[in-house]
C-alpha cells in the first residue's frame, strides 16, 4: 500500500507533506505534486499535513483514479526533498472542484 496525491493539490501545492516525508518520495510538477508509489513506505505522516486534504491512501476508493497518474508523473518529474513556498494564489484554489480538467499541467517543475 502507498499514498497518492489527488487533484486537490493542483494549483495549491502547499508542500507541507514534503517537509515530513522520511523517504523523499514526492515529485514536483509545474502545479502539483505526486508520490512515487514504489518509494512510499506507507507511513502516513504526509496525509494529515496537507492543508488541501489532497493525499489519500491508495486503498481508498476515491484514490483509484490518481494511482496511475502518480506513478506516471513520478517517473517524469523531478524529485523534491525540501519544502518550497506554495503559489501565491494557492488558498484561492483550495476548494475548487474539477481542477484536473481545467488546470492540470503535465509539465515538470522549473529548476
PDB file of N, CA and C in Angstrom:
ATOM      1  N   UNK A   1       0.839  -1.176   0.000  1.00  0.00           N
ATOM      2  CA  UNK A   1       0.000   0.000   0.000  1.00  0.00           C
ATOM      3  C   UNK A   1       0.894   1.252   0.000  1.00  0.00           C
ATOM      4  N   UNK A   2       0.378   2.302  -0.579  1.00  0.00           N
ATOM      5  CA  UNK A   2       1.084   3.586  -0.635  1.00  0.00           C
ATOM      6  C   UNK A   2       0.051   4.703  -0.548  1.00  0.00           C
ATOM      7  N   UNK A   3       0.533   5.901  -0.568  1.00  0.00           N
ATOM      8  CA  UNK A   3      -0.335   7.071  -0.595  1.00  0.00           C
ATOM      9  C   UNK A   3      -0.248   7.706  -1.973  1.00  0.00           C
ATOM     10  N   UNK A   4      -1.291   8.444  -2.349  1.00  0.00           N
ATOM     11  CA  UNK A   4      -1.323   9.139  -3.633  1.00  0.00           C
ATOM     12  C   UNK A   4      -1.783  10.571  -3.408  1.00  0.00           C
ATOM     13  N   UNK A   5      -1.367  11.423  -4.332  1.00  0.00           N
ATOM     14  CA  UNK A   5      -1.808  12.812  -4.331  1.00  0.00           C
ATOM     15  C   UNK A   5      -2.950  12.919  -5.332  1.00  0.00           C
ATOM     16  N   UNK A   6      -4.019  13.591  -4.935  1.00  0.00           N
ATOM     17  CA  UNK A   6      -5.190  13.737  -5.795  1.00  0.00           C
ATOM     18  C   UNK A   6      -5.229  15.126  -6.427  1.00  0.00           C
ATOM     19  N   UNK A   7      -6.263  15.362  -7.208  1.00  0.00           N
ATOM     20  CA  UNK A   7      -6.409  16.651  -7.899  1.00  0.00           C
ATOM     21  C   UNK A   7      -6.584  17.833  -6.956  1.00  0.00           C
ATOM     22  N   UNK A   8      -6.830  17.585  -5.694  1.00  0.00           N
ATOM     23  CA  UNK A   8      -6.958  18.695  -4.742  1.00  0.00           C
ATOM     24  C   UNK A   8      -5.648  19.463  -4.593  1.00  0.00           C
ATOM     25  N   UNK A   9      -4.539  18.862  -5.004  1.00  0.00           N
ATOM     26  CA  UNK A   9      -3.226  19.511  -4.927  1.00  0.00           C
ATOM     27  C   UNK A   9      -3.017  20.508  -6.067  1.00  0.00           C
ATOM     28  N   UNK A  10      -3.709  20.336  -7.157  1.00  0.00           N
ATOM     29  CA  UNK A  10      -3.495  21.177  -8.331  1.00  0.00           C
ATOM     30  C   UNK A  10      -3.703  22.649  -7.988  1.00  0.00           C
ATOM     31  N   UNK A  11      -2.714  23.445  -8.329  1.00  0.00           N
ATOM     32  CA  UNK A  11      -2.664  24.895  -8.115  1.00  0.00           C
ATOM     33  C   UNK A  11      -2.554  25.271  -6.631  1.00  0.00           C
ATOM     34  N   UNK A  12      -2.544  24.289  -5.724  1.00  0.00           N
ATOM     35  CA  UNK A  12      -2.338  24.578  -4.300  1.00  0.00           C
ATOM     36  C   UNK A  12      -0.872  24.329  -3.946  1.00  0.00           C
ATOM     37  N   UNK A  13      -0.444  23.090  -4.098  1.00  0.00           N
ATOM     38  CA  UNK A  13       0.956  22.701  -3.933  1.00  0.00           C
ATOM     39  C   UNK A  13       1.579  23.321  -2.675  1.00  0.00           C
ATOM     40  N   UNK A  14       0.951  23.060  -1.516  1.00  0.00           N
ATOM     41  CA  UNK A  14       1.425  23.634  -0.261  1.00  0.00           C
ATOM     42  C   UNK A  14       2.765  23.061   0.208  1.00  0.00           C
ATOM     43  N   UNK A  15       3.049  21.829  -0.064  1.00  0.00           N
ATOM     44  CA  UNK A  15       4.327  21.160   0.196  1.00  0.00           C
ATOM     45  C   UNK A  15       4.649  20.877   1.654  1.00  0.00           C
ATOM     46  N   UNK A  16       3.682  21.007   2.544  1.00  0.00           N
ATOM     47  CA  UNK A  16       3.901  20.615   3.936  1.00  0.00           C
ATOM     48  C   UNK A  16       4.236  19.124   4.011  1.00  0.00           C
ATOM     49  N   UNK A  17       3.674  18.358   3.105  1.00  0.00           N
ATOM     50  CA  UNK A  17       3.902  16.915   3.034  1.00  0.00           C
ATOM     51  C   UNK A  17       5.372  16.595   2.769  1.00  0.00           C
ATOM     52  N   UNK A  18       5.994  17.379   1.917  1.00  0.00           N
ATOM     53  CA  UNK A  18       7.396  17.166   1.554  1.00  0.00           C
ATOM     54  C   UNK A  18       8.285  17.313   2.784  1.00  0.00           C
ATOM     55  N   UNK A  19       7.961  18.263   3.626  1.00  0.00           N
ATOM     56  CA  UNK A  19       8.775  18.533   4.817  1.00  0.00           C
ATOM     57  C   UNK A  19       8.806  17.370   5.799  1.00  0.00           C
ATOM     58  N   UNK A  20       7.759  16.545   5.824  1.00  0.00           N
ATOM     59  CA  UNK A  20       7.694  15.459   6.803  1.00  0.00           C
ATOM     60  C   UNK A  20       7.991  14.074   6.221  1.00  0.00           C
ATOM     61  N   UNK A  21       8.093  13.957   4.922  1.00  0.00           N
ATOM     62  CA  UNK A  21       8.304  12.650   4.295  1.00  0.00           C
ATOM     63  C   UNK A  21       9.698  12.104   4.631  1.00  0.00           C
ATOM     64  N   UNK A  22       9.768  10.938   5.267  1.00  0.00           N
ATOM     65  CA  UNK A  22      11.077  10.398   5.656  1.00  0.00           C
ATOM     66  C   UNK A  22      11.857   9.765   4.504  1.00  0.00           C
ATOM     67  N   UNK A  23      11.196   9.528   3.364  1.00  0.00           N
ATOM     68  CA  UNK A  23      11.877   8.850   2.257  1.00  0.00           C
ATOM     69  C   UNK A  23      11.925   9.674   0.971  1.00  0.00           C
ATOM     70  N   UNK A  24      11.518  10.918   1.024  1.00  0.00           N
ATOM     71  CA  UNK A  24      11.577  11.816  -0.135  1.00  0.00           C
ATOM     72  C   UNK A  24      10.954  11.200  -1.387  1.00  0.00           C
ATOM     73  N   UNK A  25       9.697  10.776  -1.261  1.00  0.00           N
ATOM     74  CA  UNK A  25       9.023  10.118  -2.388  1.00  0.00           C
ATOM     75  C   UNK A  25       8.107  11.050  -3.175  1.00  0.00           C
ATOM     76  N   UNK A  26       8.228  12.361  -2.951  1.00  0.00           N
ATOM     77  CA  UNK A  26       7.411  13.328  -3.687  1.00  0.00           C
ATOM     78  C   UNK A  26       8.157  13.827  -4.921  1.00  0.00           C
ATOM     79  N   UNK A  27       7.374  14.060  -5.976  1.00  0.00           N
ATOM     80  CA  UNK A  27       7.902  14.563  -7.243  1.00  0.00           C
ATOM     81  C   UNK A  27       7.074  15.769  -7.640  1.00  0.00           C
ATOM     82  N   UNK A  28       7.759  16.771  -8.233  1.00  0.00           N
ATOM     83  CA  UNK A  28       7.121  18.064  -8.422  1.00  0.00           C
ATOM     84  C   UNK A  28       6.844  18.405  -9.877  1.00  0.00           C
ATOM     85  N   UNK A  29       5.571  18.658 -10.139  1.00  0.00           N
ATOM     86  CA  UNK A  29       5.165  19.182 -11.424  1.00  0.00           C
ATOM     87  C   UNK A  29       5.012  20.686 -11.342  1.00  0.00           C
ATOM     88  N   UNK A  30       4.677  21.275 -12.453  1.00  0.00           N
ATOM     89  CA  UNK A  30       4.511  22.725 -12.504  1.00  0.00           C
ATOM     90  C   UNK A  30       3.483  23.224 -11.489  1.00  0.00           C
ATOM     91  N   UNK A  31       2.365  22.477 -11.326  1.00  0.00           N
ATOM     92  CA  UNK A  31       1.341  22.958 -10.397  1.00  0.00           C
ATOM     93  C   UNK A  31       0.739  21.870  -9.508  1.00  0.00           C
ATOM     94  N   UNK A  32       1.486  20.782  -9.315  1.00  0.00           N
ATOM     95  CA  UNK A  32       1.002  19.663  -8.498  1.00  0.00           C
ATOM     96  C   UNK A  32       2.191  18.813  -8.056  1.00  0.00           C
ATOM     97  N   UNK A  33       2.019  18.107  -6.966  1.00  0.00           N
ATOM     98  CA  UNK A  33       2.984  17.111  -6.525  1.00  0.00           C
ATOM     99  C   UNK A  33       2.384  15.727  -6.745  1.00  0.00           C
ATOM    100  N   UNK A  34       3.238  14.717  -6.855  1.00  0.00           N
ATOM    101  CA  UNK A  34       2.788  13.324  -6.883  1.00  0.00           C
ATOM    102  C   UNK A  34       3.716  12.507  -5.993  1.00  0.00           C
ATOM    103  N   UNK A  35       3.275  11.306  -5.654  1.00  0.00           N
ATOM    104  CA  UNK A  35       4.062  10.377  -4.845  1.00  0.00           C
ATOM    105  C   UNK A  35       4.456   9.204  -5.718  1.00  0.00           C
ATOM    106  N   UNK A  36       5.732   8.825  -5.663  1.00  0.00           N
ATOM    107  CA  UNK A  36       6.196   7.642  -6.394  1.00  0.00           C
ATOM    108  C   UNK A  36       5.810   6.418  -5.569  1.00  0.00           C
ATOM    109  N   UNK A  37       4.901   5.586  -6.085  1.00  0.00           N
ATOM    110  CA  UNK A  37       4.342   4.508  -5.265  1.00  0.00           C
ATOM    111  C   UNK A  37       5.358   3.474  -4.780  1.00  0.00           C
ATOM    112  N   UNK A  38       6.379   3.180  -5.561  1.00  0.00           N
ATOM    113  CA  UNK A  38       7.336   2.169  -5.105  1.00  0.00           C
ATOM    114  C   UNK A  38       8.385   2.727  -4.146  1.00  0.00           C
ATOM    115  N   UNK A  39       8.336   4.038  -3.874  1.00  0.00           N
ATOM    116  CA  UNK A  39       9.215   4.638  -2.875  1.00  0.00           C
ATOM    117  C   UNK A  39       8.475   4.942  -1.574  1.00  0.00           C
ATOM    118  N   UNK A  40       7.164   5.079  -1.645  1.00  0.00           N
ATOM    119  CA  UNK A  40       6.352   5.386  -0.472  1.00  0.00           C
ATOM    120  C   UNK A  40       6.368   4.184   0.478  1.00  0.00           C
ATOM    121  N   UNK A  41       6.638   4.434   1.757  1.00  0.00           N
ATOM    122  CA  UNK A  41       6.698   3.350   2.742  1.00  0.00           C
ATOM    123  C   UNK A  41       5.406   3.228   3.548  1.00  0.00           C
ATOM    124  N   UNK A  42       4.377   3.943   3.124  1.00  0.00           N
ATOM    125  CA  UNK A  42       3.062   3.847   3.754  1.00  0.00           C
ATOM    126  C   UNK A  42       3.078   4.247   5.224  1.00  0.00           C
ATOM    127  N   UNK A  43       3.901   5.211   5.566  1.00  0.00           N
ATOM    128  CA  UNK A  43       3.957   5.648   6.968  1.00  0.00           C
ATOM    129  C   UNK A  43       2.790   6.561   7.321  1.00  0.00           C
ATOM    130  N   UNK A  44       2.253   7.270   6.323  1.00  0.00           N
ATOM    131  CA  UNK A  44       1.083   8.104   6.541  1.00  0.00           C
ATOM    132  C   UNK A  44       1.331   9.464   7.163  1.00  0.00           C
ATOM    133  N   UNK A  45       2.576   9.847   7.406  1.00  0.00           N
ATOM    134  CA  UNK A  45       2.815  11.138   8.056  1.00  0.00           C
ATOM    135  C   UNK A  45       2.464  12.322   7.159  1.00  0.00           C
ATOM    136  N   UNK A  46       2.452  12.127   5.862  1.00  0.00           N
ATOM    137  CA  UNK A  46       2.153  13.227   4.939  1.00  0.00           C
ATOM    138  C   UNK A  46       0.668  13.590   4.902  1.00  0.00           C
ATOM    139  N   UNK A  47      -0.188  12.609   5.044  1.00  0.00           N
ATOM    140  CA  UNK A  47      -1.628  12.831   4.863  1.00  0.00           C
ATOM    141  C   UNK A  47      -2.197  13.931   5.754  1.00  0.00           C
ATOM    142  N   UNK A  48      -1.963  13.910   7.066  1.00  0.00           N
ATOM    143  CA  UNK A  48      -2.553  14.967   7.901  1.00  0.00           C
ATOM    144  C   UNK A  48      -1.877  16.331   7.735  1.00  0.00           C
ATOM    145  N   UNK A  49      -0.724  16.375   7.113  1.00  0.00           N
ATOM    146  CA  UNK A  49       0.000  17.642   6.938  1.00  0.00           C
ATOM    147  C   UNK A  49      -0.529  18.478   5.786  1.00  0.00           C
ATOM    148  N   UNK A  50      -1.293  17.883   4.883  1.00  0.00           N
ATOM    149  CA  UNK A  50      -1.749  18.585   3.690  1.00  0.00           C
ATOM    150  C   UNK A  50      -2.956  19.478   3.995  1.00  0.00           C
ATOM    151  N   UNK A  51      -2.800  20.799   3.898  1.00  0.00           N
ATOM    152  CA  UNK A  51      -3.913  21.707   4.174  1.00  0.00           C
ATOM    153  C   UNK A  51      -5.082  21.541   3.200  1.00  0.00           C
ATOM    154  N   UNK A  52      -4.802  21.037   2.012  1.00  0.00           N
ATOM    155  CA  UNK A  52      -5.844  20.861   0.997  1.00  0.00           C
ATOM    156  C   UNK A  52      -6.479  19.474   1.029  1.00  0.00           C
ATOM    157  N   UNK A  53      -6.058  18.624   1.952  1.00  0.00           N
ATOM    158  CA  UNK A  53      -6.554  17.242   2.043  1.00  0.00           C
ATOM    159  C   UNK A  53      -6.421  16.522   0.705  1.00  0.00           C
ATOM    160  N   UNK A  54      -5.255  16.685   0.080  1.00  0.00           N
ATOM    161  CA  UNK A  54      -5.018  16.138  -1.258  1.00  0.00           C
ATOM    162  C   UNK A  54      -4.303  14.790  -1.260  1.00  0.00           C
ATOM    163  N   UNK A  55      -4.031  14.222  -0.106  1.00  0.00           N
ATOM    164  CA  UNK A  55      -3.311  12.953  -0.026  1.00  0.00           C
ATOM    165  C   UNK A  55      -4.233  11.896   0.555  1.00  0.00           C
ATOM    166  N   UNK A  56      -4.287  10.744  -0.123  1.00  0.00           N
ATOM    167  CA  UNK A  56      -5.133   9.634   0.319  1.00  0.00           C
ATOM    168  C   UNK A  56      -4.374   8.324   0.218  1.00  0.00           C
ATOM    169  N   UNK A  57      -4.756   7.370   1.041  1.00  0.00           N
ATOM    170  CA  UNK A  57      -4.211   6.020   0.910  1.00  0.00           C
ATOM    171  C   UNK A  57      -4.705   5.432  -0.406  1.00  0.00           C
ATOM    172  N   UNK A  58      -3.858   4.665  -1.078  1.00  0.00           N
ATOM    173  CA  UNK A  58      -4.275   4.103  -2.359  1.00  0.00           C
ATOM    174  C   UNK A  58      -5.380   3.059  -2.210  1.00  0.00           C
ATOM    175  N   UNK A  59      -5.654   2.645  -0.983  1.00  0.00           N
ATOM    176  CA  UNK A  59      -6.747   1.705  -0.731  1.00  0.00           C
ATOM    177  C   UNK A  59      -8.104   2.404  -0.657  1.00  0.00           C
ATOM    178  N   UNK A  60      -8.096   3.715  -0.547  1.00  0.00           N
ATOM    179  CA  UNK A  60      -9.337   4.500  -0.535  1.00  0.00           C
ATOM    180  C   UNK A  60      -9.933   4.475  -1.941  1.00  0.00           C
ATOM    181  N   UNK A  61     -11.179   4.059  -2.094  1.00  0.00           N
ATOM    182  CA  UNK A  61     -11.788   4.006  -3.438  1.00  0.00           C
ATOM    183  C   UNK A  61     -11.721   5.336  -4.197  1.00  0.00           C
ATOM    184  N   UNK A  62     -11.768   6.451  -3.497  1.00  0.00           N
ATOM    185  CA  UNK A  62     -11.694   7.760  -4.153  1.00  0.00           C
ATOM    186  C   UNK A  62     -10.306   8.036  -4.729  1.00  0.00           C
ATOM    187  N   UNK A  63      -9.302   7.297  -4.285  1.00  0.00           N
ATOM    188  CA  UNK A  63      -7.932   7.496  -4.769  1.00  0.00           C
ATOM    189  C   UNK A  63      -7.656   6.744  -6.068  1.00  0.00           C
ATOM    190  N   UNK A  64      -8.513   5.824  -6.429  1.00  0.00           N
ATOM    191  CA  UNK A  64      -8.272   4.961  -7.593  1.00  0.00           C
ATOM    192  C   UNK A  64      -7.877   5.702  -8.867  1.00  0.00           C
ATOM    193  N   UNK A  65      -8.554   6.792  -9.234  1.00  0.00           N
ATOM    194  CA  UNK A  65      -8.170   7.469 -10.479  1.00  0.00           C
ATOM    195  C   UNK A  65      -6.783   8.108 -10.427  1.00  0.00           C
ATOM    196  N   UNK A  66      -6.235   8.282  -9.252  1.00  0.00           N
ATOM    197  CA  UNK A  66      -4.977   9.012  -9.094  1.00  0.00           C
ATOM    198  C   UNK A  66      -3.762   8.113  -8.964  1.00  0.00           C
ATOM    199  N   UNK A  67      -3.967   6.817  -8.806  1.00  0.00           N
ATOM    200  CA  UNK A  67      -2.857   5.882  -8.642  1.00  0.00           C
ATOM    201  C   UNK A  67      -1.965   5.879  -9.887  1.00  0.00           C
ATOM    202  N   UNK A  68      -2.555   5.708 -11.054  1.00  0.00           N
ATOM    203  CA  UNK A  68      -1.778   5.675 -12.299  1.00  0.00           C
ATOM    204  C   UNK A  68      -1.139   7.027 -12.594  1.00  0.00           C
ATOM    205  N   UNK A  69      -1.850   8.110 -12.308  1.00  0.00           N
ATOM    206  CA  UNK A  69      -1.304   9.443 -12.564  1.00  0.00           C
ATOM    207  C   UNK A  69      -0.067   9.682 -11.703  1.00  0.00           C
ATOM    208  N   UNK A  70      -0.117   9.304 -10.435  1.00  0.00           N
ATOM    209  CA  UNK A  70       1.042   9.474  -9.554  1.00  0.00           C
ATOM    210  C   UNK A  70       2.232   8.678 -10.072  1.00  0.00           C
ATOM    211  N   UNK A  71       2.014   7.435 -10.456  1.00  0.00           N
ATOM    212  CA  UNK A  71       3.108   6.600 -10.972  1.00  0.00           C
ATOM    213  C   UNK A  71       3.679   7.178 -12.269  1.00  0.00           C
ATOM    214  N   UNK A  72       2.809   7.610 -13.165  1.00  0.00           N
ATOM    215  CA  UNK A  72       3.245   8.140 -14.454  1.00  0.00           C
ATOM    216  C   UNK A  72       4.108   9.393 -14.294  1.00  0.00           C
ATOM    217  N   UNK A  73       3.624  10.356 -13.525  1.00  0.00           N
ATOM    218  CA  UNK A  73       4.338  11.627 -13.424  1.00  0.00           C
ATOM    219  C   UNK A  73       5.522  11.576 -12.467  1.00  0.00           C
ATOM    220  N   UNK A  74       5.517  10.650 -11.512  1.00  0.00           N
ATOM    221  CA  UNK A  74       6.696  10.486 -10.649  1.00  0.00           C
ATOM    222  C   UNK A  74       7.892  10.015 -11.471  1.00  0.00           C
ATOM    223  N   UNK A  75       7.617   9.330 -12.573  1.00  0.00           N
ATOM    224  CA  UNK A  75       8.691   8.871 -13.465  1.00  0.00           C
ATOM    225  C   UNK A  75       9.199   9.999 -14.371  1.00  0.00           C
ATOM    226  N   UNK A  76       8.441  11.083 -14.479  1.00  0.00           N
ATOM    227  CA  UNK A  76       8.792  12.171 -15.397  1.00  0.00           C
ATOM    228  C   UNK A  76       9.263  13.452 -14.700  1.00  0.00           C
ATOM    229  N   UNK A  77       8.741  13.701 -13.520  1.00  0.00           N
ATOM    230  CA  UNK A  77       9.013  14.957 -12.821  1.00  0.00           C
ATOM    231  C   UNK A  77      10.205  14.814 -11.877  1.00  0.00           C
ATOM    232  N   UNK A  78      10.836  15.932 -11.500  1.00  0.00           N
ATOM    233  CA  UNK A  78      11.974  15.871 -10.574  1.00  0.00           C
ATOM    234  C   UNK A  78      11.533  15.614  -9.126  1.00  0.00           C
ATOM    235  N   UNK A  79      12.408  14.932  -8.424  1.00  0.00           N
ATOM    236  CA  UNK A  79      12.171  14.674  -7.009  1.00  0.00           C
ATOM    237  C   UNK A  79      12.278  15.977  -6.230  1.00  0.00           C
ATOM    238  N   UNK A  80      11.469  16.095  -5.201  1.00  0.00           N
ATOM    239  CA  UNK A  80      11.529  17.265  -4.315  1.00  0.00           C
ATOM    240  C   UNK A  80      11.707  16.753  -2.886  1.00  0.00           C
ATOM    241  N   UNK A  81      12.730  17.243  -2.213  1.00  0.00           N
ATOM    242  CA  UNK A  81      13.039  16.775  -0.866  1.00  0.00           C
ATOM    243  C   UNK A  81      12.926  17.871   0.184  1.00  0.00           C
ATOM    244  N   UNK A  82      12.757  19.111  -0.269  1.00  0.00           N
ATOM    245  CA  UNK A  82      12.622  20.225   0.676  1.00  0.00           C
ATOM    246  C   UNK A  82      11.397  21.055   0.324  1.00  0.00           C
ATOM    247  N   UNK A  83      10.706  21.491   1.345  1.00  0.00           N
ATOM    248  CA  UNK A  83       9.519  22.317   1.165  1.00  0.00           C
ATOM    249  C   UNK A  83       9.882  23.657   0.537  1.00  0.00           C
ATOM    250  N   UNK A  84       9.063  24.075  -0.417  1.00  0.00           N
ATOM    251  CA  UNK A  84       9.205  25.386  -1.044  1.00  0.00           C
ATOM    252  C   UNK A  84       7.950  26.193  -0.717  1.00  0.00           C
ATOM    253  N   UNK A  85       7.957  27.441  -1.081  1.00  0.00           N
ATOM    254  CA  UNK A  85       6.779  28.281  -0.874  1.00  0.00           C
ATOM    255  C   UNK A  85       5.680  27.855  -1.850  1.00  0.00           C
ATOM    256  N   UNK A  86       4.433  27.810  -1.390  1.00  0.00           N
ATOM    257  CA  UNK A  86       3.331  27.480  -2.295  1.00  0.00           C
ATOM    258  C   UNK A  86       3.062  28.652  -3.251  1.00  0.00           C
ATOM    259  N   UNK A  87       2.312  28.409  -4.292  1.00  0.00           N
ATOM    260  CA  UNK A  87       1.951  29.506  -5.193  1.00  0.00           C
ATOM    261  C   UNK A  87       1.219  30.614  -4.419  1.00  0.00           C
ATOM    262  N   UNK A  88       1.368  31.832  -4.857  1.00  0.00           N
ATOM    263  CA  UNK A  88       0.753  32.981  -4.177  1.00  0.00           C
ATOM    264  C   UNK A  88      -0.764  32.867  -4.099  1.00  0.00           C
ATOM    265  N   UNK A  89      -1.377  32.226  -5.093  1.00  0.00           N
ATOM    266  CA  UNK A  89      -2.836  32.100  -5.117  1.00  0.00           C
ATOM    267  C   UNK A  89      -3.334  30.727  -4.657  1.00  0.00           C
ATOM    268  N   UNK A  90      -2.506  29.981  -3.942  1.00  0.00           N
ATOM    269  CA  UNK A  90      -2.853  28.621  -3.514  1.00  0.00           C
ATOM    270  C   UNK A  90      -4.164  28.558  -2.732  1.00  0.00           C
ATOM    271  N   UNK A  91      -4.358  29.450  -1.795  1.00  0.00           N
ATOM    272  CA  UNK A  91      -5.570  29.420  -0.966  1.00  0.00           C
ATOM    273  C   UNK A  91      -6.837  29.608  -1.799  1.00  0.00           C
ATOM    274  N   UNK A  92      -6.749  30.362  -2.863  1.00  0.00           N
ATOM    275  CA  UNK A  92      -7.914  30.583  -3.731  1.00  0.00           C
ATOM    276  C   UNK A  92      -8.331  29.305  -4.460  1.00  0.00           C
ATOM    277  N   UNK A  93      -7.386  28.397  -4.681  1.00  0.00           N
ATOM    278  CA  UNK A  93      -7.662  27.169  -5.426  1.00  0.00           C
ATOM    279  C   UNK A  93      -8.014  25.993  -4.515  1.00  0.00           C
ATOM    280  N   UNK A  94      -7.880  26.164  -3.226  1.00  0.00           N
ATOM    281  CA  UNK A  94      -8.000  25.045  -2.296  1.00  0.00           C
ATOM    282  C   UNK A  94      -9.338  24.309  -2.374  1.00  0.00           C
ATOM    283  N   UNK A  95     -10.425  24.965  -2.528  1.00  0.00           N
ATOM    284  CA  UNK A  95     -11.733  24.304  -2.523  1.00  0.00           C
ATOM    285  C   UNK A  95     -12.410  24.289  -3.888  1.00  0.00           C
ATOM    286  N   UNK A  96     -11.619  24.449  -4.932  1.00  0.00           N
ATOM    287  CA  UNK A  96     -12.161  24.418  -6.293  1.00  0.00           C
ATOM    288  C   UNK A  96     -12.276  22.966  -6.745  1.00  0.00           C
ATOM    289  N   UNK A  97     -13.435  22.590  -7.266  1.00  0.00           N
ATOM    290  CA  UNK A  97     -13.644  21.232  -7.785  1.00  0.00           C
ATOM    291  C   UNK A  97     -13.298  21.172  -9.270  1.00  0.00           C
ATOM    292  N   UNK A  98     -13.018  19.972  -9.751  1.00  0.00           N
ATOM    293  CA  UNK A  98     -12.774  19.766 -11.177  1.00  0.00           C
ATOM    294  C   UNK A  98     -11.499  20.400 -11.682  1.00  0.00           C
ATOM    295  N   UNK A  99     -10.502  20.502 -10.829  1.00  0.00           N
ATOM    296  CA  UNK A  99      -9.266  21.174 -11.225  1.00  0.00           C
ATOM    297  C   UNK A  99      -8.459  20.393 -12.255  1.00  0.00           C
ATOM    298  N   UNK A 100      -8.585  19.074 -12.267  1.00  0.00           N
ATOM    299  CA  UNK A 100      -7.793  18.302 -13.226  1.00  0.00           C
ATOM    300  C   UNK A 100      -8.142  18.694 -14.656  1.00  0.00           C
ATOM    301  N   UNK A 101      -9.405  18.775 -14.942  1.00  0.00           N
ATOM    302  CA  UNK A 101      -9.852  19.102 -16.292  1.00  0.00           C
ATOM    303  C   UNK A 101      -9.508  20.531 -16.693  1.00  0.00           C
ATOM    304  N   UNK A 102      -9.526  21.439 -15.738  1.00  0.00           N
ATOM    305  CA  UNK A 102      -9.341  22.848 -16.082  1.00  0.00           C
ATOM    306  C   UNK A 102      -7.955  23.410 -15.806  1.00  0.00           C
ATOM    307  N   UNK A 103      -7.178  22.778 -14.925  1.00  0.00           N
ATOM    308  CA  UNK A 103      -5.940  23.435 -14.506  1.00  0.00           C
ATOM    309  C   UNK A 103      -4.699  22.553 -14.433  1.00  0.00           C
ATOM    310  N   UNK A 104      -4.813  21.250 -14.615  1.00  0.00           N
ATOM    311  CA  UNK A 104      -3.648  20.364 -14.508  1.00  0.00           C
ATOM    312  C   UNK A 104      -2.617  20.666 -15.585  1.00  0.00           C
ATOM    313  N   UNK A 105      -1.356  20.714 -15.195  1.00  0.00           N
ATOM    314  CA  UNK A 105      -0.258  20.878 -16.150  1.00  0.00           C
ATOM    315  C   UNK A 105       0.630  19.638 -16.078  1.00  0.00           C
ATOM    316  N   UNK A 106       0.893  18.989 -17.215  1.00  0.00           N
ATOM    317  CA  UNK A 106       1.797  17.834 -17.224  1.00  0.00           C
ATOM    318  C   UNK A 106       3.283  18.230 -17.198  1.00  0.00           C
ATOM    319  N   UNK A 107       3.563  19.519 -17.218  1.00  0.00           N
ATOM    320  CA  UNK A 107       4.946  19.998 -17.250  1.00  0.00           C
ATOM    321  C   UNK A 107       5.618  19.775 -15.898  1.00  0.00           C
ATOM    322  N   UNK A 108       6.918  19.476 -15.910  1.00  0.00           N
ATOM    323  CA  UNK A 108       7.650  19.349 -14.651  1.00  0.00           C
ATOM    324  C   UNK A 108       7.865  20.724 -14.026  1.00  0.00           C
ATOM    325  N   UNK A 109       8.218  20.734 -12.767  1.00  0.00           N
ATOM    326  CA  UNK A 109       8.541  21.988 -12.083  1.00  0.00           C
ATOM    327  C   UNK A 109       9.809  22.564 -12.696  1.00  0.00           C
ATOM    328  N   UNK A 110       9.913  23.862 -12.679  1.00  0.00           N
ATOM    329  CA  UNK A 110      11.130  24.512 -13.157  1.00  0.00           C
ATOM    330  C   UNK A 110      12.215  24.376 -12.110  1.00  0.00           C
ATOM    331  N   UNK A 111      13.415  24.196 -12.572  1.00  0.00           N
ATOM    332  CA  UNK A 111      14.560  24.020 -11.645  1.00  0.00           C
ATOM    333  C   UNK A 111      14.892  25.298 -10.932  1.00  0.00           C
TER     334      UNK A 111
END
